[in-house]
């Protein structure tokens, strides 16, 4: 978990870098599949199975979109994305899951302010289209890509 619960600043040296999509899932195969789906559109894909590492990647790269699995050991996707919302409010948050639980949907919207909720049996083309659309909608308030200060 990140050490502080406040929005983080920007690093001028990082804002010029190619924006990235960060993937968090405890299933390495899903990460590989998602990366294969997104790379042809030119997205820089960062991936990890560890939420702590995900926060490190957020702190060191200009991440535009975060996609997180909901069902992970130790931390749910909603819990993770809620922290992302607090620390990096401009980053677009997407959660994917196999869950049909209405509480998961409600928490994802109310606590993490997600942009999209995608079922895990995704169609590659639909997923690519959703991420492309999210990337087009990305509008940081200060005109630069979010990243943290070192």
Foldseek 3Di string as FASTA:
>chain_A
DDPDQAAFDADPVAQVDQEAEEEEALDVVLLVVLCVLAPVVPHHYHYDPDLVVSVVCQQRHLYQEYEYEQDHPPAGLLRSLLSCCRHPVLHAYEYEYQDPDVVVVVSNCPRNVHPYYHYPVDDSVVVNVVVVVSSVVRDDPVRTGDHHHD
